[in-house]
N, C-alpha and C. Protein backbone atom coordinates (compact mmCIF):
# COMPACT_ATOMS: atom_id res chain seq x y z
N LEU A 1 -15.01 3.73 4.19
CA LEU A 1 -15.62 3.08 3.03
C LEU A 1 -15.85 4.08 1.91
N LYS A 2 -16.28 5.27 2.24
CA LYS A 2 -16.52 6.29 1.22
C LYS A 2 -15.23 6.64 0.48
N MET A 3 -14.12 6.72 1.23
CA MET A 3 -12.83 7.02 0.61
C MET A 3 -12.49 5.98 -0.45
N ILE A 4 -12.71 4.72 -0.12
CA ILE A 4 -12.40 3.64 -1.04
C ILE A 4 -13.29 3.70 -2.28
N GLU A 5 -14.55 4.04 -2.09
CA GLU A 5 -15.50 4.10 -3.20
C GLU A 5 -15.15 5.19 -4.20
N ILE A 6 -14.76 6.37 -3.73
CA ILE A 6 -14.58 7.50 -4.64
C ILE A 6 -13.16 7.70 -5.14
N SER A 7 -12.22 6.94 -4.60
CA SER A 7 -10.82 7.11 -5.00
C SER A 7 -10.49 6.31 -6.25
N ASP A 8 -9.59 6.86 -7.06
CA ASP A 8 -9.08 6.16 -8.23
C ASP A 8 -7.82 5.37 -7.90
N ALA A 9 -7.10 5.83 -6.87
CA ALA A 9 -5.84 5.22 -6.45
C ALA A 9 -5.55 5.70 -5.03
N PHE A 10 -4.56 5.05 -4.41
CA PHE A 10 -4.18 5.40 -3.04
C PHE A 10 -2.68 5.57 -2.99
N VAL A 11 -2.25 6.72 -2.49
CA VAL A 11 -0.83 7.00 -2.31
C VAL A 11 -0.65 7.40 -0.85
N ALA A 12 0.12 6.61 -0.11
CA ALA A 12 0.39 6.91 1.29
C ALA A 12 1.70 7.67 1.39
N LEU A 13 1.65 8.79 2.06
CA LEU A 13 2.82 9.58 2.37
C LEU A 13 3.21 9.31 3.81
N PRO A 14 4.45 9.57 4.20
CA PRO A 14 4.81 9.38 5.60
C PRO A 14 3.85 10.14 6.50
N GLY A 15 3.41 9.48 7.55
CA GLY A 15 2.46 10.11 8.47
C GLY A 15 2.34 9.31 9.74
N GLY A 16 1.32 9.63 10.51
CA GLY A 16 1.11 9.02 11.81
C GLY A 16 0.04 7.95 11.82
N MET A 17 -0.62 7.82 12.94
CA MET A 17 -1.60 6.74 13.14
C MET A 17 -2.74 6.77 12.14
N GLY A 18 -3.20 7.95 11.77
CA GLY A 18 -4.27 8.04 10.78
C GLY A 18 -3.84 7.48 9.43
N THR A 19 -2.61 7.78 9.05
CA THR A 19 -2.07 7.25 7.80
C THR A 19 -1.99 5.73 7.85
N PHE A 20 -1.46 5.21 8.96
CA PHE A 20 -1.36 3.75 9.10
C PHE A 20 -2.74 3.11 9.09
N ASP A 21 -3.70 3.72 9.77
CA ASP A 21 -5.06 3.19 9.81
C ASP A 21 -5.64 3.07 8.41
N GLU A 22 -5.57 4.15 7.64
CA GLU A 22 -6.12 4.16 6.29
C GLU A 22 -5.36 3.20 5.38
N LEU A 23 -4.04 3.19 5.48
CA LEU A 23 -3.23 2.32 4.64
C LEU A 23 -3.53 0.85 4.93
N LEU A 24 -3.57 0.49 6.20
CA LEU A 24 -3.85 -0.91 6.54
C LEU A 24 -5.26 -1.31 6.13
N GLU A 25 -6.20 -0.37 6.17
CA GLU A 25 -7.55 -0.67 5.70
C GLU A 25 -7.53 -0.98 4.20
N VAL A 26 -6.81 -0.17 3.44
CA VAL A 26 -6.71 -0.40 1.99
C VAL A 26 -6.02 -1.74 1.72
N LEU A 27 -4.94 -2.04 2.45
CA LEU A 27 -4.24 -3.32 2.26
C LEU A 27 -5.15 -4.49 2.64
N THR A 28 -5.97 -4.32 3.65
CA THR A 28 -6.92 -5.37 4.04
C THR A 28 -7.95 -5.60 2.94
N TRP A 29 -8.48 -4.51 2.37
CA TRP A 29 -9.45 -4.65 1.28
C TRP A 29 -8.82 -5.36 0.08
N ARG A 30 -7.54 -5.08 -0.19
CA ARG A 30 -6.85 -5.77 -1.28
C ARG A 30 -6.75 -7.26 -0.99
N GLN A 31 -6.39 -7.58 0.26
CA GLN A 31 -6.24 -8.98 0.65
C GLN A 31 -7.55 -9.74 0.53
N LEU A 32 -8.65 -9.05 0.77
CA LEU A 32 -9.98 -9.66 0.67
C LEU A 32 -10.55 -9.60 -0.75
N ASN A 33 -9.74 -9.13 -1.70
CA ASN A 33 -10.16 -8.98 -3.10
C ASN A 33 -11.39 -8.09 -3.24
N GLN A 34 -11.46 -7.07 -2.39
CA GLN A 34 -12.55 -6.10 -2.45
C GLN A 34 -12.09 -4.77 -3.05
N LEU A 35 -10.84 -4.72 -3.48
CA LEU A 35 -10.29 -3.48 -4.00
C LEU A 35 -9.44 -3.78 -5.22
N ASP A 36 -9.71 -3.07 -6.31
CA ASP A 36 -8.95 -3.23 -7.55
C ASP A 36 -8.49 -1.85 -8.03
N LYS A 37 -7.76 -1.17 -7.15
CA LYS A 37 -7.25 0.16 -7.48
C LYS A 37 -5.77 0.21 -7.11
N PRO A 38 -4.99 1.00 -7.84
CA PRO A 38 -3.55 1.08 -7.56
C PRO A 38 -3.26 1.64 -6.17
N VAL A 39 -2.21 1.12 -5.56
CA VAL A 39 -1.76 1.58 -4.25
C VAL A 39 -0.26 1.82 -4.33
N ALA A 40 0.18 2.94 -3.77
CA ALA A 40 1.60 3.27 -3.76
C ALA A 40 1.98 3.86 -2.41
N LEU A 41 3.24 3.64 -2.04
CA LEU A 41 3.79 4.21 -0.82
C LEU A 41 4.94 5.12 -1.22
N PHE A 42 4.88 6.37 -0.79
CA PHE A 42 6.00 7.29 -0.98
C PHE A 42 6.96 7.04 0.18
N ASN A 43 7.99 6.25 -0.10
CA ASN A 43 8.91 5.76 0.91
C ASN A 43 10.05 6.75 1.16
N TYR A 44 9.70 7.97 1.46
CA TYR A 44 10.69 9.02 1.68
C TYR A 44 11.62 8.64 2.82
N ASP A 45 12.91 8.66 2.54
CA ASP A 45 13.95 8.38 3.53
C ASP A 45 13.73 7.02 4.22
N GLY A 46 13.16 6.05 3.48
CA GLY A 46 12.95 4.71 4.03
C GLY A 46 11.84 4.61 5.06
N TYR A 47 10.94 5.60 5.07
CA TYR A 47 9.91 5.68 6.11
C TYR A 47 9.10 4.39 6.27
N PHE A 48 8.72 3.76 5.15
CA PHE A 48 7.87 2.57 5.23
C PHE A 48 8.65 1.26 5.31
N ASP A 49 9.98 1.32 5.37
CA ASP A 49 10.78 0.09 5.50
C ASP A 49 10.41 -0.73 6.73
N PRO A 50 10.22 -0.12 7.91
CA PRO A 50 9.82 -0.93 9.08
C PRO A 50 8.45 -1.59 8.91
N LEU A 51 7.52 -0.93 8.22
CA LEU A 51 6.22 -1.55 7.98
C LEU A 51 6.37 -2.76 7.08
N ARG A 52 7.17 -2.62 6.03
CA ARG A 52 7.41 -3.76 5.14
C ARG A 52 8.03 -4.92 5.92
N LYS A 53 8.97 -4.61 6.80
CA LYS A 53 9.60 -5.65 7.62
C LYS A 53 8.57 -6.32 8.54
N LEU A 54 7.68 -5.55 9.11
CA LEU A 54 6.62 -6.11 9.96
C LEU A 54 5.71 -7.03 9.15
N LEU A 55 5.33 -6.62 7.95
CA LEU A 55 4.47 -7.45 7.11
C LEU A 55 5.21 -8.71 6.65
N GLU A 56 6.49 -8.61 6.40
CA GLU A 56 7.28 -9.80 6.07
C GLU A 56 7.29 -10.77 7.26
N HIS A 57 7.42 -10.23 8.46
CA HIS A 57 7.36 -11.05 9.68
C HIS A 57 6.00 -11.73 9.80
N ALA A 58 4.92 -10.99 9.54
CA ALA A 58 3.58 -11.57 9.59
C ALA A 58 3.43 -12.67 8.54
N ALA A 59 4.03 -12.48 7.38
CA ALA A 59 3.96 -13.50 6.33
C ALA A 59 4.73 -14.76 6.75
N THR A 60 5.90 -14.57 7.33
CA THR A 60 6.69 -15.71 7.80
C THR A 60 5.93 -16.51 8.86
N ALA A 61 5.17 -15.80 9.68
CA ALA A 61 4.38 -16.45 10.73
C ALA A 61 3.07 -17.04 10.19
N GLY A 62 2.79 -16.81 8.90
CA GLY A 62 1.60 -17.39 8.27
C GLY A 62 0.34 -16.55 8.36
N PHE A 63 0.49 -15.26 8.70
CA PHE A 63 -0.68 -14.40 8.87
C PHE A 63 -0.91 -13.43 7.71
N TYR A 64 -0.03 -13.40 6.76
CA TYR A 64 -0.14 -12.43 5.67
C TYR A 64 0.51 -13.01 4.43
N ASP A 65 -0.07 -12.74 3.29
CA ASP A 65 0.48 -13.18 2.01
C ASP A 65 1.21 -11.99 1.39
N MET A 66 2.52 -12.07 1.30
CA MET A 66 3.32 -10.95 0.79
C MET A 66 2.98 -10.58 -0.65
N ASN A 67 2.33 -11.46 -1.38
CA ASN A 67 1.93 -11.11 -2.74
C ASN A 67 1.04 -9.88 -2.75
N HIS A 68 0.29 -9.66 -1.69
CA HIS A 68 -0.57 -8.47 -1.64
C HIS A 68 0.25 -7.20 -1.53
N LEU A 69 1.37 -7.25 -0.84
CA LEU A 69 2.23 -6.07 -0.74
C LEU A 69 3.13 -5.96 -1.96
N ASN A 70 3.49 -7.05 -2.57
CA ASN A 70 4.35 -7.02 -3.75
C ASN A 70 3.69 -6.27 -4.91
N ASP A 71 2.35 -6.19 -4.90
CA ASP A 71 1.63 -5.46 -5.94
C ASP A 71 1.57 -3.96 -5.68
N VAL A 72 2.04 -3.54 -4.51
CA VAL A 72 2.03 -2.13 -4.15
C VAL A 72 3.32 -1.48 -4.66
N LEU A 73 3.18 -0.35 -5.31
CA LEU A 73 4.34 0.40 -5.78
C LEU A 73 4.95 1.12 -4.59
N ILE A 74 6.21 0.83 -4.29
CA ILE A 74 6.91 1.48 -3.20
C ILE A 74 8.11 2.20 -3.79
N SER A 75 8.14 3.52 -3.62
CA SER A 75 9.22 4.30 -4.23
C SER A 75 9.56 5.50 -3.36
N CYS A 76 10.81 5.89 -3.40
CA CYS A 76 11.24 7.10 -2.70
C CYS A 76 11.23 8.30 -3.65
N GLU A 77 10.75 8.08 -4.86
CA GLU A 77 10.66 9.15 -5.86
C GLU A 77 9.20 9.42 -6.18
N ILE A 78 8.69 10.57 -5.76
CA ILE A 78 7.28 10.88 -5.98
C ILE A 78 6.94 10.96 -7.47
N GLU A 79 7.90 11.42 -8.28
CA GLU A 79 7.66 11.49 -9.72
C GLU A 79 7.43 10.10 -10.30
N GLU A 80 8.20 9.12 -9.83
CA GLU A 80 8.02 7.74 -10.29
C GLU A 80 6.62 7.24 -9.95
N ILE A 81 6.17 7.54 -8.75
CA ILE A 81 4.83 7.10 -8.34
C ILE A 81 3.78 7.65 -9.28
N PHE A 82 3.81 8.96 -9.53
CA PHE A 82 2.78 9.55 -10.37
C PHE A 82 2.92 9.15 -11.84
N ASN A 83 4.12 8.81 -12.29
CA ASN A 83 4.30 8.33 -13.65
C ASN A 83 3.79 6.89 -13.82
N LEU A 84 4.01 6.04 -12.80
CA LEU A 84 3.66 4.62 -12.91
C LEU A 84 2.27 4.30 -12.38
N LEU A 85 1.70 5.14 -11.55
CA LEU A 85 0.42 4.85 -10.93
C LEU A 85 -0.67 4.46 -11.92
N PRO A 86 -0.81 5.13 -13.04
CA PRO A 86 -1.87 4.73 -13.99
C PRO A 86 -1.66 3.34 -14.58
N GLN A 87 -0.42 2.81 -14.51
CA GLN A 87 -0.12 1.51 -15.12
C GLN A 87 -0.31 0.33 -14.17
N ILE A 88 -0.41 0.59 -12.87
CA ILE A 88 -0.50 -0.52 -11.92
C ILE A 88 -1.94 -0.77 -11.51
N ARG A 89 -2.26 -2.03 -11.29
CA ARG A 89 -3.58 -2.44 -10.84
C ARG A 89 -3.39 -3.57 -9.84
N ALA A 90 -4.33 -3.70 -8.94
CA ALA A 90 -4.30 -4.83 -7.99
C ALA A 90 -4.61 -6.11 -8.72
N ASN A 91 -4.06 -7.21 -8.25
CA ASN A 91 -4.39 -8.52 -8.83
C ASN A 91 -5.65 -9.06 -8.24
């Protein structure tokens, strides 16, 4: 909770369980309309492609609204993330 309070934005880099835990918490807060801060994924070498596919599967099954992920900037270019991050906001 403290991380969410003091952060201006969230950028997930490829990582392990801790990264997934924090990222999914941020995505959950967005889904609950409790977070209005930019979120981006540094999709180096397609790292987050399987997660996106899993969330698409959850959406097809009726458990997730893909609009919440569609607002997340996903890029394999870190420069693009830092250039666009100030312009994106959660809906």
